[in-house]
Amino acid sequence: MKRSLVLALAGLGLGVGLSFAADPPLMKEGYWSIHTLITSNPGNKKTESTQTICRNHEYEQYVRNMATKGRTGCKILVDNYSGGTYTVEQECTIGGTTLHSKTVSTSQGDSASHTEAHTTNTPPQYGEAESTTIMDQKYLGACPAGIQPGDIVRADGRKTNAWKK
């Protein structure tokens, strides 16, 4: 559950569990490719994936709103947007584990972004002491027929919707 929320938020180029006090601009509406590499430790376990998502501004705002509600146990240490780079550092306590994360997301206009997030878990959560996520996104064009905002299409062709209006 934690990882899917993190990926959903990061998938929008917004970073990991952000408060959005320093809102970055919205990205271009349409179909996006998202390539993600997660390295978990101990064990240097790598998970790589590529998926696409159809997004519009209403969907992005929905995700931003979802990230700002119910964030009890979290405190923002850094929240800064400047010159196309959004930096957030936060600490959350969840079920006896303190998660410390720092996310830096750099946009190339409104049609591409690169995000790097590093999270440490003290004590380790589900055996994971730390993880690093690197995510690159790029705009592909209009959403194809039959694909609606919030639709995520995985590499194997499975489609799910992260937003039901």
C-alpha atoms as a PDB file:
ATOM      1  CA  MET A   1       0.000   0.000   0.000  1.00  0.00           C
ATOM      2  CA  LYS A   2       2.752   2.473   0.960  1.00  0.00           C
ATOM      3  CA  ARG A   3       4.686   1.799  -2.239  1.00  0.00           C
ATOM      4  CA  SER A   4       1.595   2.189  -4.481  1.00  0.00           C
ATOM      5  CA  LEU A   5       0.767   5.590  -2.950  1.00  0.00           C
ATOM      6  CA  VAL A   6       4.381   6.678  -3.288  1.00  0.00           C
ATOM      7  CA  LEU A   7       4.439   5.627  -6.936  1.00  0.00           C
ATOM      8  CA  ALA A   8       1.100   7.265  -7.682  1.00  0.00           C
ATOM      9  CA  LEU A   9       2.339  10.573  -6.298  1.00  0.00           C
ATOM     10  CA  ALA A  10       5.768  10.295  -7.781  1.00  0.00           C
ATOM     11  CA  GLY A  11       4.158   9.254 -11.051  1.00  0.00           C
ATOM     12  CA  LEU A  12       2.824  12.747 -11.337  1.00  0.00           C
ATOM     13  CA  GLY A  13       6.267  14.218 -10.845  1.00  0.00           C
ATOM     14  CA  LEU A  14       5.186  15.456  -7.486  1.00  0.00           C
ATOM     15  CA  GLY A  15       7.497  13.497  -5.301  1.00  0.00           C
ATOM     16  CA  VAL A  16       6.787  11.347  -2.299  1.00  0.00           C
ATOM     17  CA  GLY A  17       3.877  12.280  -0.009  1.00  0.00           C
ATOM     18  CA  LEU A  18       4.162  16.031  -0.460  1.00  0.00           C
ATOM     19  CA  SER A  19       2.348  18.838   1.300  1.00  0.00           C
ATOM     20  CA  PHE A  20       2.331  21.093  -1.781  1.00  0.00           C
ATOM     21  CA  ALA A  21       2.838  24.350   0.098  1.00  0.00           C
ATOM     22  CA  ALA A  22       5.145  25.343  -2.766  1.00  0.00           C
ATOM     23  CA  ASP A  23       2.974  24.046  -5.614  1.00  0.00           C
ATOM     24  CA  PRO A  24       4.922  23.343  -8.794  1.00  0.00           C
ATOM     25  CA  PRO A  25       3.098  24.123 -12.039  1.00  0.00           C
ATOM     26  CA  LEU A  26       0.798  21.485 -13.510  1.00  0.00           C
ATOM     27  CA  MET A  27       2.211  19.292 -16.250  1.00  0.00           C
ATOM     28  CA  LYS A  28       0.843  19.021 -19.787  1.00  0.00           C
ATOM     29  CA  GLU A  29      -2.454  17.176 -20.131  1.00  0.00           C
ATOM     30  CA  GLY A  30      -2.294  13.934 -22.109  1.00  0.00           C
ATOM     31  CA  TYR A  31      -0.500  10.586 -22.226  1.00  0.00           C
ATOM     32  CA  TRP A  32       2.754  10.157 -20.305  1.00  0.00           C
ATOM     33  CA  SER A  33       5.440   7.476 -20.157  1.00  0.00           C
ATOM     34  CA  ILE A  34       6.894   6.821 -16.687  1.00  0.00           C
ATOM     35  CA  HIS A  35      10.084   4.806 -16.196  1.00  0.00           C
ATOM     36  CA  THR A  36      10.867   3.918 -12.570  1.00  0.00           C
ATOM     37  CA  LEU A  37      13.852   2.257 -10.916  1.00  0.00           C
ATOM     38  CA  ILE A  38      13.586   1.464  -7.188  1.00  0.00           C
ATOM     39  CA  THR A  39      16.582   0.198  -5.245  1.00  0.00           C
ATOM     40  CA  SER A  40      15.753  -1.238  -1.799  1.00  0.00           C
ATOM     41  CA  ASN A  41      18.217  -2.062   0.953  1.00  0.00           C
ATOM     42  CA  PRO A  42      19.466  -4.147   2.515  1.00  0.00           C
ATOM     43  CA  GLY A  43      20.114  -6.397  -0.427  1.00  0.00           C
ATOM     44  CA  ASN A  44      20.397  -3.796  -3.209  1.00  0.00           C
ATOM     45  CA  LYS A  45      17.130  -5.194  -4.641  1.00  0.00           C
ATOM     46  CA  LYS A  46      16.214  -3.419  -7.871  1.00  0.00           C
ATOM     47  CA  THR A  47      12.714  -3.129  -9.266  1.00  0.00           C
ATOM     48  CA  GLU A  48      12.275  -1.516 -12.670  1.00  0.00           C
ATOM     49  CA  SER A  49       9.061  -0.698 -14.482  1.00  0.00           C
ATOM     50  CA  THR A  50       7.633   1.348 -17.296  1.00  0.00           C
ATOM     51  CA  GLN A  51       4.015   2.384 -17.501  1.00  0.00           C
ATOM     52  CA  THR A  52       1.881   5.058 -19.090  1.00  0.00           C
ATOM     53  CA  ILE A  53      -0.748   7.298 -17.560  1.00  0.00           C
ATOM     54  CA  CYS A  54      -3.401   9.592 -18.958  1.00  0.00           C
ATOM     55  CA  ARG A  55      -3.557  12.798 -16.941  1.00  0.00           C
ATOM     56  CA  ASN A  56      -5.429  16.043 -16.976  1.00  0.00           C
ATOM     57  CA  HIS A  57      -5.258  18.999 -14.599  1.00  0.00           C
ATOM     58  CA  GLU A  58      -8.343  17.899 -12.678  1.00  0.00           C
ATOM     59  CA  TYR A  59      -6.755  14.484 -12.033  1.00  0.00           C
ATOM     60  CA  GLU A  60      -3.458  16.073 -10.943  1.00  0.00           C
ATOM     61  CA  GLN A  61      -5.312  18.338  -8.528  1.00  0.00           C
ATOM     62  CA  TYR A  62      -7.169  15.307  -7.152  1.00  0.00           C
ATOM     63  CA  VAL A  63      -3.842  13.570  -6.433  1.00  0.00           C
ATOM     64  CA  ARG A  64      -2.419  16.716  -4.817  1.00  0.00           C
ATOM     65  CA  ASN A  65      -5.500  17.025  -2.606  1.00  0.00           C
ATOM     66  CA  MET A  66      -5.296  13.336  -1.661  1.00  0.00           C
ATOM     67  CA  ALA A  67      -1.674  13.802  -0.592  1.00  0.00           C
ATOM     68  CA  THR A  68      -2.493  16.738   1.694  1.00  0.00           C
ATOM     69  CA  LYS A  69      -5.391  15.144   3.604  1.00  0.00           C
ATOM     70  CA  GLY A  70      -4.938  12.709   6.464  1.00  0.00           C
ATOM     71  CA  ARG A  71      -1.180  13.157   6.757  1.00  0.00           C
ATOM     72  CA  THR A  72      -1.120  12.799  10.544  1.00  0.00           C
ATOM     73  CA  GLY A  73       2.247  11.941  12.024  1.00  0.00           C
ATOM     74  CA  CYS A  74       4.157  13.835   9.319  1.00  0.00           C
ATOM     75  CA  LYS A  75       6.173  17.018   9.444  1.00  0.00           C
ATOM     76  CA  ILE A  76       7.611  18.906   6.503  1.00  0.00           C
ATOM     77  CA  LEU A  77      11.258  19.860   6.948  1.00  0.00           C
ATOM     78  CA  VAL A  78      11.824  21.425   3.507  1.00  0.00           C
ATOM     79  CA  ASP A  79       9.254  22.439   0.874  1.00  0.00           C
ATOM     80  CA  ASN A  80      10.713  24.551  -1.905  1.00  0.00           C
ATOM     81  CA  TYR A  81      10.014  25.169  -5.583  1.00  0.00           C
ATOM     82  CA  SER A  82      12.537  27.246  -7.519  1.00  0.00           C
ATOM     83  CA  GLY A  83      13.689  27.363 -11.123  1.00  0.00           C
ATOM     84  CA  GLY A  84      11.944  24.171 -12.211  1.00  0.00           C
ATOM     85  CA  THR A  85      13.207  22.142  -9.238  1.00  0.00           C
ATOM     86  CA  TYR A  86      10.898  21.020  -6.443  1.00  0.00           C
ATOM     87  CA  THR A  87      12.521  19.794  -3.223  1.00  0.00           C
ATOM     88  CA  VAL A  88      10.639  18.245  -0.319  1.00  0.00           C
ATOM     89  CA  GLU A  89      12.069  16.688   2.798  1.00  0.00           C
ATOM     90  CA  GLN A  90       9.716  15.214   5.373  1.00  0.00           C
ATOM     91  CA  GLU A  91       9.534  12.890   8.311  1.00  0.00           C
ATOM     92  CA  CYS A  92       6.557  10.654   9.107  1.00  0.00           C
ATOM     93  CA  THR A  93       5.937   8.196  11.913  1.00  0.00           C
ATOM     94  CA  ILE A  94       3.806   5.258  10.811  1.00  0.00           C
ATOM     95  CA  GLY A  95       3.203   2.236  13.028  1.00  0.00           C
ATOM     96  CA  GLY A  96       6.331   2.802  15.114  1.00  0.00           C
ATOM     97  CA  THR A  97       8.585   3.401  12.103  1.00  0.00           C
ATOM     98  CA  THR A  98      10.002   6.822  11.266  1.00  0.00           C
ATOM     99  CA  LEU A  99      10.246   7.433   7.534  1.00  0.00           C
ATOM    100  CA  HIS A 100      12.593  10.219   6.502  1.00  0.00           C
ATOM    101  CA  SER A 101      12.360  11.146   2.829  1.00  0.00           C
ATOM    102  CA  LYS A 102      13.975  13.672   0.552  1.00  0.00           C
ATOM    103  CA  THR A 103      12.618  14.122  -2.960  1.00  0.00           C
ATOM    104  CA  VAL A 104      14.023  16.319  -5.719  1.00  0.00           C
ATOM    105  CA  SER A 105      11.944  16.641  -8.878  1.00  0.00           C
ATOM    106  CA  THR A 106      13.221  18.652 -11.822  1.00  0.00           C
ATOM    107  CA  SER A 107      10.910  19.505 -14.685  1.00  0.00           C
ATOM    108  CA  GLN A 108      11.903  20.234 -18.244  1.00  0.00           C
ATOM    109  CA  GLY A 109       9.074  22.610 -19.075  1.00  0.00           C
ATOM    110  CA  ASP A 110       5.644  20.993 -18.836  1.00  0.00           C
ATOM    111  CA  SER A 111       6.497  17.903 -20.884  1.00  0.00           C
ATOM    112  CA  ALA A 112       9.231  15.982 -19.000  1.00  0.00           C
ATOM    113  CA  SER A 113      10.540  15.486 -15.481  1.00  0.00           C
ATOM    114  CA  HIS A 114      13.214  13.634 -13.533  1.00  0.00           C
ATOM    115  CA  THR A 115      12.629  12.698  -9.885  1.00  0.00           C
ATOM    116  CA  GLU A 116      14.979  11.204  -7.300  1.00  0.00           C
ATOM    117  CA  ALA A 117      13.674  10.211  -3.872  1.00  0.00           C
ATOM    118  CA  HIS A 118      15.582   8.699  -0.978  1.00  0.00           C
ATOM    119  CA  THR A 119      13.745   7.236   2.029  1.00  0.00           C
ATOM    120  CA  THR A 120      15.108   5.735   5.238  1.00  0.00           C
ATOM    121  CA  ASN A 121      12.988   3.660   7.636  1.00  0.00           C
ATOM    122  CA  THR A 122      13.956   3.552  11.333  1.00  0.00           C
ATOM    123  CA  PRO A 123      13.535   0.800  12.380  1.00  0.00           C
ATOM    124  CA  PRO A 124      13.307  -0.996   9.034  1.00  0.00           C
ATOM    125  CA  GLN A 125       9.760  -1.489   7.749  1.00  0.00           C
ATOM    126  CA  TYR A 126       8.974  -4.905   6.218  1.00  0.00           C
ATOM    127  CA  GLY A 127      12.728  -5.566   6.203  1.00  0.00           C
ATOM    128  CA  GLU A 128      13.481  -2.407   4.208  1.00  0.00           C
ATOM    129  CA  ALA A 129      15.873   0.079   5.815  1.00  0.00           C
ATOM    130  CA  GLU A 130      16.136   2.451   2.871  1.00  0.00           C
ATOM    131  CA  SER A 131      15.126   2.911  -0.737  1.00  0.00           C
ATOM    132  CA  THR A 132      16.018   5.132  -3.636  1.00  0.00           C
ATOM    133  CA  THR A 133      13.541   5.823  -6.420  1.00  0.00           C
ATOM    134  CA  ILE A 134      14.559   7.319  -9.755  1.00  0.00           C
ATOM    135  CA  MET A 135      11.724   8.240 -12.079  1.00  0.00           C
ATOM    136  CA  ASP A 136      11.773   9.756 -15.553  1.00  0.00           C
ATOM    137  CA  GLN A 137       8.595  10.928 -17.237  1.00  0.00           C
ATOM    138  CA  LYS A 138       7.885  12.284 -20.676  1.00  0.00           C
ATOM    139  CA  TYR A 139       4.839  13.513 -22.508  1.00  0.00           C
ATOM    140  CA  LEU A 140       3.808  11.290 -25.432  1.00  0.00           C
ATOM    141  CA  GLY A 141       0.814  13.170 -26.871  1.00  0.00           C
ATOM    142  CA  ALA A 142      -2.947  12.952 -26.586  1.00  0.00           C
ATOM    143  CA  CYS A 143      -4.451  10.051 -24.625  1.00  0.00           C
ATOM    144  CA  PRO A 144      -5.388   7.194 -26.973  1.00  0.00           C
ATOM    145  CA  ALA A 145      -9.027   6.305 -27.632  1.00  0.00           C
ATOM    146  CA  GLY A 146     -10.479   4.362 -24.707  1.00  0.00           C
ATOM    147  CA  ILE A 147      -7.946   5.744 -22.216  1.00  0.00           C
ATOM    148  CA  GLN A 148      -9.333   8.242 -19.670  1.00  0.00           C
ATOM    149  CA  PRO A 149      -7.604  10.531 -17.152  1.00  0.00           C
ATOM    150  CA  GLY A 150      -6.334   8.406 -14.270  1.00  0.00           C
ATOM    151  CA  ASP A 151      -5.907   5.288 -16.447  1.00  0.00           C
ATOM    152  CA  ILE A 152      -2.553   3.623 -15.844  1.00  0.00           C
ATOM    153  CA  VAL A 153      -1.378   1.082 -18.427  1.00  0.00           C
ATOM    154  CA  ARG A 154       1.373  -1.249 -17.255  1.00  0.00           C
ATOM    155  CA  ALA A 155       3.993  -2.803 -19.530  1.00  0.00           C
ATOM    156  CA  ASP A 156       1.988  -6.059 -19.658  1.00  0.00           C
ATOM    157  CA  GLY A 157      -1.062  -4.157 -20.979  1.00  0.00           C
ATOM    158  CA  ARG A 158      -3.096  -4.281 -17.740  1.00  0.00           C
ATOM    159  CA  LYS A 159      -5.105  -1.105 -17.291  1.00  0.00           C
ATOM    160  CA  THR A 160      -6.299   0.285 -13.955  1.00  0.00           C
ATOM    161  CA  ASN A 161      -7.835   3.603 -13.052  1.00  0.00           C
ATOM    162  CA  ALA A 162      -6.450   5.550 -10.108  1.00  0.00           C
ATOM    163  CA  TRP A 163      -9.290   8.084 -10.254  1.00  0.00           C
ATOM    164  CA  LYS A 164     -12.986   7.355 -10.402  1.00  0.00           C
ATOM    165  CA  LYS A 165     -14.992  10.568 -10.589  1.00  0.00           C
END
